[in-house]
């Protein structure tokens, strides 16, 4: 059991380091964090229950996708900085994941406000 908690502690430390590194190096991540602060604040002010949970969860999903996109970009750049069609496609797919998750959050906001 002690080993479990030691490994859990290390996982939390590594995850926090990933958040810190991404915050410091990625403008788009910081932009999404601030967008989520605004969106989350509005959601807390205007919504309750399942609608609030949906908006907050989708905001977190956008941040998750931005973290995954950053990981893809860094891994591709580690392999090679040369221009490659496969590298471009990998990076663009990661970016598309961020975009689709942001669209989902926007659709949820519209559905909650209109519905």
N, C-alpha and C. Protein backbone atom coordinates (compact mmCIF):
# COMPACT_ATOMS: atom_id res chain seq x y z
N UNK A 1 0.81 -1.20 0.00
CA UNK A 1 0.00 0.00 0.00
C UNK A 1 0.86 1.27 0.00
N UNK A 2 1.97 1.24 0.71
CA UNK A 2 2.87 2.39 0.76
C UNK A 2 3.45 2.67 -0.64
N UNK A 3 3.75 1.60 -1.38
CA UNK A 3 4.27 1.78 -2.74
C UNK A 3 3.23 2.45 -3.63
N UNK A 4 1.97 2.07 -3.48
CA UNK A 4 0.88 2.68 -4.25
C UNK A 4 0.86 4.19 -4.03
N UNK A 5 0.91 4.62 -2.76
CA UNK A 5 0.84 6.04 -2.47
C UNK A 5 2.09 6.79 -2.90
N UNK A 6 3.24 6.14 -2.84
CA UNK A 6 4.47 6.76 -3.33
C UNK A 6 4.38 6.98 -4.84
N UNK A 7 3.90 5.97 -5.56
CA UNK A 7 3.76 6.11 -7.02
C UNK A 7 2.68 7.13 -7.37
N UNK A 8 1.62 7.17 -6.59
CA UNK A 8 0.57 8.17 -6.80
C UNK A 8 1.14 9.57 -6.62
N UNK A 9 1.93 9.75 -5.58
CA UNK A 9 2.57 11.05 -5.33
C UNK A 9 3.44 11.46 -6.52
N UNK A 10 4.22 10.51 -7.05
CA UNK A 10 5.06 10.81 -8.22
C UNK A 10 4.22 11.18 -9.43
N UNK A 11 3.12 10.48 -9.65
CA UNK A 11 2.24 10.79 -10.79
C UNK A 11 1.67 12.20 -10.67
N UNK A 12 1.29 12.58 -9.47
CA UNK A 12 0.76 13.93 -9.25
C UNK A 12 1.85 14.96 -9.50
N UNK A 13 3.06 14.71 -9.03
CA UNK A 13 4.18 15.62 -9.25
C UNK A 13 4.46 15.78 -10.75
N UNK A 14 4.51 14.67 -11.47
CA UNK A 14 4.78 14.72 -12.91
C UNK A 14 3.65 15.44 -13.65
N UNK A 15 2.42 15.18 -13.26
CA UNK A 15 1.28 15.85 -13.91
C UNK A 15 1.32 17.35 -13.67
N UNK A 16 1.63 17.75 -12.45
CA UNK A 16 1.73 19.18 -12.14
C UNK A 16 2.88 19.83 -12.93
N UNK A 17 3.97 19.10 -13.11
CA UNK A 17 5.08 19.61 -13.91
C UNK A 17 4.64 19.81 -15.36
N UNK A 18 3.85 18.88 -15.87
CA UNK A 18 3.33 19.02 -17.24
C UNK A 18 2.43 20.23 -17.38
N UNK A 19 1.56 20.45 -16.40
CA UNK A 19 0.71 21.64 -16.42
C UNK A 19 1.55 22.91 -16.36
N UNK A 20 2.53 22.93 -15.46
CA UNK A 20 3.39 24.11 -15.32
C UNK A 20 4.14 24.39 -16.61
N UNK A 21 4.76 23.35 -17.18
CA UNK A 21 5.54 23.53 -18.41
C UNK A 21 4.66 24.03 -19.55
N UNK A 22 3.47 23.47 -19.66
CA UNK A 22 2.56 23.88 -20.74
C UNK A 22 2.09 25.31 -20.51
N UNK A 23 1.76 25.66 -19.28
CA UNK A 23 1.35 27.03 -18.96
C UNK A 23 2.45 28.02 -19.36
N UNK A 24 3.69 27.68 -19.03
CA UNK A 24 4.81 28.60 -19.28
C UNK A 24 5.16 28.71 -20.76
N UNK A 25 4.94 27.65 -21.53
CA UNK A 25 5.44 27.64 -22.90
C UNK A 25 4.37 27.75 -23.99
N UNK A 26 3.11 27.59 -23.65
CA UNK A 26 2.07 27.54 -24.69
C UNK A 26 1.05 28.65 -24.51
N UNK A 27 1.11 29.64 -25.40
CA UNK A 27 0.17 30.75 -25.35
C UNK A 27 -1.27 30.26 -25.51
N UNK A 28 -1.49 29.30 -26.40
CA UNK A 28 -2.86 28.84 -26.63
C UNK A 28 -3.44 28.16 -25.39
N UNK A 29 -2.62 27.45 -24.63
CA UNK A 29 -3.12 26.84 -23.39
C UNK A 29 -3.55 27.92 -22.41
N UNK A 30 -2.71 28.94 -22.24
CA UNK A 30 -3.07 30.04 -21.34
C UNK A 30 -4.34 30.73 -21.81
N UNK A 31 -4.50 30.89 -23.12
CA UNK A 31 -5.72 31.51 -23.66
C UNK A 31 -6.96 30.68 -23.32
N UNK A 32 -6.85 29.36 -23.47
CA UNK A 32 -7.98 28.49 -23.14
C UNK A 32 -8.27 28.49 -21.65
N UNK A 33 -7.24 28.58 -20.82
CA UNK A 33 -7.47 28.66 -19.38
C UNK A 33 -8.29 29.91 -19.07
N UNK A 34 -7.89 31.06 -19.62
CA UNK A 34 -8.62 32.29 -19.35
C UNK A 34 -10.03 32.25 -19.93
N UNK A 35 -10.19 31.64 -21.10
CA UNK A 35 -11.54 31.47 -21.66
C UNK A 35 -12.39 30.62 -20.72
N UNK A 36 -11.77 29.61 -20.10
CA UNK A 36 -12.50 28.76 -19.16
C UNK A 36 -12.81 29.49 -17.86
N UNK A 37 -11.95 30.38 -17.45
CA UNK A 37 -12.25 31.18 -16.25
C UNK A 37 -13.51 32.01 -16.50
N UNK A 38 -13.58 32.64 -17.66
CA UNK A 38 -14.75 33.45 -18.01
C UNK A 38 -15.98 32.56 -18.17
N UNK A 39 -15.85 31.49 -18.95
CA UNK A 39 -16.98 30.58 -19.18
C UNK A 39 -17.45 29.95 -17.88
N UNK A 40 -16.52 29.48 -17.07
CA UNK A 40 -16.87 28.86 -15.80
C UNK A 40 -17.54 29.84 -14.85
N UNK A 41 -17.02 31.07 -14.82
CA UNK A 41 -17.64 32.10 -13.98
C UNK A 41 -19.06 32.39 -14.39
N UNK A 42 -19.28 32.53 -15.71
CA UNK A 42 -20.64 32.75 -16.21
C UNK A 42 -21.54 31.56 -15.91
N UNK A 43 -21.00 30.37 -16.08
CA UNK A 43 -21.79 29.16 -15.82
C UNK A 43 -22.19 29.09 -14.35
N UNK A 44 -21.27 29.38 -13.45
CA UNK A 44 -21.58 29.35 -12.02
C UNK A 44 -22.63 30.40 -11.68
N UNK A 45 -22.56 31.53 -12.35
CA UNK A 45 -23.51 32.61 -12.10
C UNK A 45 -24.90 32.31 -12.67
N UNK A 46 -24.94 31.71 -13.88
CA UNK A 46 -26.21 31.55 -14.59
C UNK A 46 -26.87 30.18 -14.46
N UNK A 47 -26.08 29.15 -14.18
CA UNK A 47 -26.58 27.78 -14.31
C UNK A 47 -26.51 27.02 -12.99
N UNK A 48 -27.23 25.90 -12.98
CA UNK A 48 -27.17 25.00 -11.83
C UNK A 48 -27.22 23.56 -12.33
N UNK A 49 -26.97 22.64 -11.45
CA UNK A 49 -27.15 21.22 -11.71
C UNK A 49 -26.39 20.69 -12.90
N UNK A 50 -27.10 19.90 -13.70
CA UNK A 50 -26.48 19.20 -14.82
C UNK A 50 -25.96 20.16 -15.88
N UNK A 51 -26.66 21.27 -16.09
CA UNK A 51 -26.19 22.24 -17.08
C UNK A 51 -24.85 22.84 -16.67
N UNK A 52 -24.73 23.18 -15.41
CA UNK A 52 -23.46 23.70 -14.89
C UNK A 52 -22.35 22.67 -15.03
N UNK A 53 -22.66 21.44 -14.65
CA UNK A 53 -21.66 20.37 -14.74
C UNK A 53 -21.23 20.16 -16.19
N UNK A 54 -22.18 20.20 -17.12
CA UNK A 54 -21.86 20.01 -18.54
C UNK A 54 -20.91 21.08 -19.05
N UNK A 55 -21.21 22.33 -18.76
CA UNK A 55 -20.37 23.43 -19.24
C UNK A 55 -18.98 23.36 -18.62
N UNK A 56 -18.90 23.10 -17.32
CA UNK A 56 -17.59 23.01 -16.67
C UNK A 56 -16.79 21.82 -17.21
N UNK A 57 -17.44 20.68 -17.40
CA UNK A 57 -16.75 19.49 -17.90
C UNK A 57 -16.25 19.70 -19.33
N UNK A 58 -17.06 20.34 -20.16
CA UNK A 58 -16.62 20.57 -21.54
C UNK A 58 -15.47 21.58 -21.59
N UNK A 59 -15.47 22.55 -20.68
CA UNK A 59 -14.34 23.47 -20.60
C UNK A 59 -13.06 22.74 -20.24
N UNK A 60 -13.17 21.82 -19.29
CA UNK A 60 -12.01 21.01 -18.91
C UNK A 60 -11.57 20.15 -20.08
N UNK A 61 -12.52 19.62 -20.85
CA UNK A 61 -12.19 18.81 -22.03
C UNK A 61 -11.36 19.61 -23.03
N UNK A 62 -11.70 20.87 -23.23
CA UNK A 62 -10.91 21.71 -24.15
C UNK A 62 -9.47 21.81 -23.64
N UNK A 63 -9.29 21.99 -22.33
CA UNK A 63 -7.94 22.05 -21.77
C UNK A 63 -7.20 20.73 -21.94
N UNK A 64 -7.91 19.63 -21.75
CA UNK A 64 -7.30 18.31 -21.95
C UNK A 64 -6.83 18.17 -23.39
N UNK A 65 -7.67 18.57 -24.33
CA UNK A 65 -7.29 18.45 -25.74
C UNK A 65 -6.10 19.35 -26.07
N UNK A 66 -6.05 20.52 -25.48
CA UNK A 66 -4.89 21.40 -25.71
C UNK A 66 -3.62 20.79 -25.14
N UNK A 67 -3.72 20.14 -23.98
CA UNK A 67 -2.56 19.44 -23.43
C UNK A 67 -2.12 18.30 -24.35
N UNK A 68 -3.08 17.54 -24.89
CA UNK A 68 -2.74 16.44 -25.81
C UNK A 68 -2.13 16.99 -27.10
N UNK A 69 -2.67 18.10 -27.59
CA UNK A 69 -2.12 18.72 -28.79
C UNK A 69 -0.68 19.16 -28.55
N UNK A 70 -0.42 19.74 -27.39
CA UNK A 70 0.95 20.14 -27.04
C UNK A 70 1.87 18.93 -27.00
N UNK A 71 1.39 17.84 -26.42
CA UNK A 71 2.20 16.61 -26.35
C UNK A 71 2.52 16.10 -27.76
N UNK A 72 1.53 16.11 -28.64
CA UNK A 72 1.75 15.66 -30.02
C UNK A 72 2.79 16.55 -30.69
N UNK A 73 2.62 17.86 -30.57
CA UNK A 73 3.56 18.78 -31.22
C UNK A 73 4.99 18.60 -30.71
N UNK A 74 5.13 18.43 -29.42
CA UNK A 74 6.48 18.25 -28.86
C UNK A 74 7.10 16.93 -29.29
N UNK A 75 6.30 15.87 -29.31
CA UNK A 75 6.83 14.57 -29.74
C UNK A 75 7.24 14.62 -31.20
N UNK A 76 6.43 15.24 -32.05
CA UNK A 76 6.77 15.35 -33.47
C UNK A 76 8.05 16.17 -33.64
N UNK A 77 8.15 17.29 -32.91
CA UNK A 77 9.35 18.13 -33.02
C UNK A 77 10.60 17.43 -32.47
N UNK A 78 10.42 16.54 -31.50
CA UNK A 78 11.55 15.79 -30.97
C UNK A 78 12.11 14.84 -32.02
N UNK A 79 11.21 14.24 -32.78
CA UNK A 79 11.64 13.28 -33.81
C UNK A 79 12.41 13.98 -34.91
N UNK A 80 11.86 15.13 -35.36
CA UNK A 80 12.54 15.86 -36.44
C UNK A 80 11.93 17.24 -36.58
N UNK A 81 12.77 18.22 -36.84
CA UNK A 81 12.29 19.57 -37.12
C UNK A 81 12.15 19.82 -38.62
N UNK A 82 12.50 18.81 -39.42
CA UNK A 82 12.36 18.94 -40.87
C UNK A 82 10.88 18.94 -41.24
N UNK A 83 10.56 19.63 -42.33
CA UNK A 83 9.17 19.64 -42.80
C UNK A 83 8.81 18.26 -43.32
N UNK A 84 7.66 17.79 -42.86
CA UNK A 84 7.18 16.48 -43.27
C UNK A 84 5.66 16.53 -43.35
N UNK A 85 5.12 15.92 -44.37
CA UNK A 85 3.67 15.89 -44.53
C UNK A 85 3.01 15.12 -43.38
N UNK A 86 3.62 14.03 -42.95
CA UNK A 86 3.06 13.27 -41.83
C UNK A 86 3.11 14.08 -40.53
N UNK A 87 4.20 14.81 -40.32
CA UNK A 87 4.30 15.65 -39.13
C UNK A 87 3.23 16.74 -39.16
N UNK A 88 3.04 17.36 -40.32
CA UNK A 88 2.00 18.37 -40.45
C UNK A 88 0.63 17.79 -40.15
N UNK A 89 0.36 16.60 -40.70
CA UNK A 89 -0.94 15.97 -40.49
C UNK A 89 -1.16 15.63 -39.02
N UNK A 90 -0.12 15.16 -38.34
CA UNK A 90 -0.24 14.83 -36.92
C UNK A 90 -0.54 16.09 -36.10
N UNK A 91 0.20 17.15 -36.37
CA UNK A 91 -0.02 18.40 -35.64
C UNK A 91 -1.39 18.99 -35.94
N UNK A 92 -1.79 18.95 -37.20
CA UNK A 92 -3.11 19.48 -37.57
C UNK A 92 -4.24 18.66 -36.96
N UNK A 93 -4.05 17.35 -36.85
CA UNK A 93 -5.08 16.50 -36.22
C UNK A 93 -5.22 16.86 -34.74
N UNK A 94 -4.10 17.10 -34.07
CA UNK A 94 -4.15 17.52 -32.67
C UNK A 94 -4.87 18.85 -32.53
N UNK A 95 -4.56 19.77 -33.41
CA UNK A 95 -5.22 21.08 -33.39
C UNK A 95 -6.72 20.93 -33.68
N UNK A 96 -7.06 20.05 -34.59
CA UNK A 96 -8.48 19.81 -34.90
C UNK A 96 -9.21 19.24 -33.69
N UNK A 97 -8.54 18.42 -32.91
CA UNK A 97 -9.14 17.90 -31.68
C UNK A 97 -9.50 19.02 -30.72
N UNK A 98 -8.62 20.00 -30.60
CA UNK A 98 -8.91 21.16 -29.75
C UNK A 98 -10.12 21.90 -30.31
N UNK A 99 -10.12 22.12 -31.61
CA UNK A 99 -11.21 22.86 -32.23
C UNK A 99 -12.55 22.15 -32.05
N UNK A 100 -12.58 20.85 -32.27
CA UNK A 100 -13.84 20.10 -32.15
C UNK A 100 -14.33 20.12 -30.70
N UNK A 101 -13.43 20.01 -29.74
CA UNK A 101 -13.86 20.07 -28.34
C UNK A 101 -14.38 21.47 -27.99
N UNK A 102 -13.77 22.51 -28.55
CA UNK A 102 -14.25 23.87 -28.31
C UNK A 102 -15.62 24.07 -28.95
N UNK A 103 -15.82 23.51 -30.13
CA UNK A 103 -17.14 23.58 -30.77
C UNK A 103 -18.18 22.88 -29.90
N UNK A 104 -17.83 21.73 -29.34
CA UNK A 104 -18.75 21.02 -28.46
C UNK A 104 -19.14 21.89 -27.27
N UNK A 105 -18.17 22.58 -26.69
CA UNK A 105 -18.46 23.46 -25.57
C UNK A 105 -19.38 24.60 -26.01
N UNK A 106 -19.12 25.14 -27.18
CA UNK A 106 -19.97 26.21 -27.71
C UNK A 106 -21.38 25.74 -27.98
N UNK A 107 -21.50 24.56 -28.55
CA UNK A 107 -22.83 23.98 -28.81
C UNK A 107 -23.58 23.78 -27.50
N UNK A 108 -22.90 23.31 -26.49
CA UNK A 108 -23.53 23.12 -25.19
C UNK A 108 -24.03 24.45 -24.62
N UNK A 109 -23.20 25.49 -24.72
CA UNK A 109 -23.63 26.81 -24.25
C UNK A 109 -24.89 27.27 -24.98
N UNK A 110 -24.90 27.13 -26.30
CA UNK A 110 -26.07 27.54 -27.09
C UNK A 110 -27.29 26.73 -26.67
N UNK A 111 -27.13 25.42 -26.56
CA UNK A 111 -28.27 24.57 -26.18
C UNK A 111 -28.81 24.93 -24.80
N UNK A 112 -27.92 25.22 -23.87
CA UNK A 112 -28.34 25.57 -22.51
C UNK A 112 -29.05 26.93 -22.50
N UNK A 113 -28.49 27.88 -23.22
CA UNK A 113 -29.07 29.24 -23.21
C UNK A 113 -30.37 29.33 -24.00
N UNK A 114 -30.44 28.61 -25.12
CA UNK A 114 -31.64 28.66 -25.96
C UNK A 114 -32.72 27.72 -25.44
N UNK A 115 -32.27 26.53 -24.98
CA UNK A 115 -33.21 25.50 -24.57
C UNK A 115 -33.82 25.81 -23.24
